[in-house]
Amino acid sequence: MGRVVSRRVDEEMSSHRVIRASEIGQYAFCARAWWLGSVQGQPSSHQREMTAGEIVHRRHGRGVGMTTRLTLLAYVLLAIAIILGILWLIGLVM
């Protein structure tokens, strides 16, 4: 009994497709374009623009990642400076 239920759940889960936020935006902008691409599998006629957008998004993502790492480094250096300042004030470091 457990296997039958499990198999049925697996089949139902595999029949459900994950809808991405970009697809919702595409549907809101033009339901027909979404249907042609997502249901009919026809490629967009704007491949060049989409590729350019992907490149811009990747570049932005790298910038965000670098900003995050630099912020972390700044906090670590600030903590070291505070510790050294406290040690200097109490006379442990000259």
Protein backbone atom coordinates (compact mmCIF):
# COMPACT_ATOMS: atom_id res chain seq x y z
CA MET A 1 0.00 0.00 0.00
CA GLY A 2 2.80 2.43 0.93
CA ARG A 3 4.58 1.93 -2.39
CA VAL A 4 1.40 2.58 -4.40
CA VAL A 5 0.77 5.85 -2.57
CA SER A 6 4.43 6.81 -2.88
CA ARG A 7 4.45 6.07 -6.61
CA ARG A 8 1.26 8.09 -7.10
CA VAL A 9 2.77 11.05 -5.23
CA ASP A 10 5.95 10.77 -7.31
CA GLU A 11 3.91 10.75 -10.53
CA GLU A 12 1.90 13.76 -9.43
CA MET A 13 5.04 15.64 -8.38
CA SER A 14 6.75 14.93 -11.72
CA SER A 15 3.69 16.16 -13.62
CA HIS A 16 3.84 19.52 -11.82
CA ARG A 17 6.22 21.97 -13.41
CA VAL A 18 7.99 24.66 -11.40
CA ILE A 19 7.03 28.12 -12.59
CA ARG A 20 9.79 30.70 -12.23
CA ALA A 21 9.20 34.34 -11.36
CA SER A 22 10.46 35.37 -14.80
CA GLU A 23 7.75 33.24 -16.38
CA ILE A 24 5.09 35.01 -14.33
CA GLY A 25 6.49 38.33 -15.53
CA GLN A 26 6.50 37.10 -19.10
CA TYR A 27 2.90 35.87 -18.75
CA ALA A 28 1.81 39.21 -17.26
CA PHE A 29 3.48 41.05 -20.12
CA CYS A 30 2.17 38.80 -22.90
CA ALA A 31 0.26 35.60 -22.18
CA ARG A 32 0.52 34.53 -25.83
CA ALA A 33 4.34 34.79 -25.81
CA TRP A 34 4.47 32.78 -22.60
CA TRP A 35 2.19 30.12 -24.10
CA LEU A 36 4.25 29.91 -27.30
CA GLY A 37 7.50 29.51 -25.38
CA SER A 38 6.48 27.47 -22.36
CA VAL A 39 3.70 25.29 -23.76
CA GLN A 40 4.49 25.08 -27.46
CA GLY A 41 8.28 25.17 -27.02
CA GLN A 42 8.87 27.80 -29.67
CA PRO A 43 12.04 29.81 -29.07
CA SER A 44 11.79 33.55 -28.59
CA SER A 45 12.57 35.77 -31.54
CA HIS A 46 14.57 37.94 -29.12
CA GLN A 47 17.42 35.52 -28.43
CA ARG A 48 20.11 38.19 -28.86
CA GLU A 49 18.46 40.49 -26.32
CA MET A 50 17.89 37.63 -23.89
CA THR A 51 21.54 36.58 -24.13
CA ALA A 52 22.63 40.17 -23.53
CA GLY A 53 20.33 40.32 -20.48
CA GLU A 54 21.80 37.10 -19.08
CA ILE A 55 25.30 38.53 -19.44
CA VAL A 56 24.28 41.72 -17.63
CA HIS A 57 22.65 39.68 -14.83
CA ARG A 58 25.76 37.51 -14.41
CA ARG A 59 27.99 40.60 -14.28
CA HIS A 60 25.69 42.18 -11.68
CA GLY A 61 25.71 38.96 -9.64
CA ARG A 62 29.51 38.93 -9.59
CA GLY A 63 29.48 42.56 -8.45
CA VAL A 64 27.05 41.77 -5.64
CA GLY A 65 29.20 38.81 -4.57
CA MET A 66 32.33 40.98 -4.53
CA THR A 67 30.53 43.64 -2.49
CA THR A 68 29.47 41.01 0.04
CA ARG A 69 33.03 39.69 0.38
CA LEU A 70 34.49 43.19 0.71
CA THR A 71 31.91 44.10 3.36
CA LEU A 72 32.86 41.00 5.35
CA LEU A 73 36.55 41.89 5.02
CA ALA A 74 35.81 45.43 6.23
CA TYR A 75 34.04 44.10 9.33
CA VAL A 76 36.93 41.72 10.09
CA LEU A 77 39.47 44.53 9.74
CA LEU A 78 37.32 46.81 11.91
CA ALA A 79 37.14 44.14 14.61
CA ILE A 80 40.92 43.70 14.50
CA ALA A 81 41.40 47.48 14.76
CA ILE A 82 39.05 47.68 17.74
CA ILE A 83 40.82 44.82 19.52
CA LEU A 84 44.24 46.38 18.86
CA GLY A 85 42.93 49.77 20.05
CA ILE A 86 41.66 48.27 23.30
CA LEU A 87 44.94 46.42 23.84
CA TRP A 88 46.88 49.63 23.17
CA LEU A 89 44.73 51.56 25.65
CA ILE A 90 45.35 49.05 28.43
CA GLY A 91 49.05 49.02 27.61
CA LEU A 92 49.49 45.50 26.26
CA VAL A 93 50.58 46.66 22.82
CA MET A 94 53.12 49.40 22.20
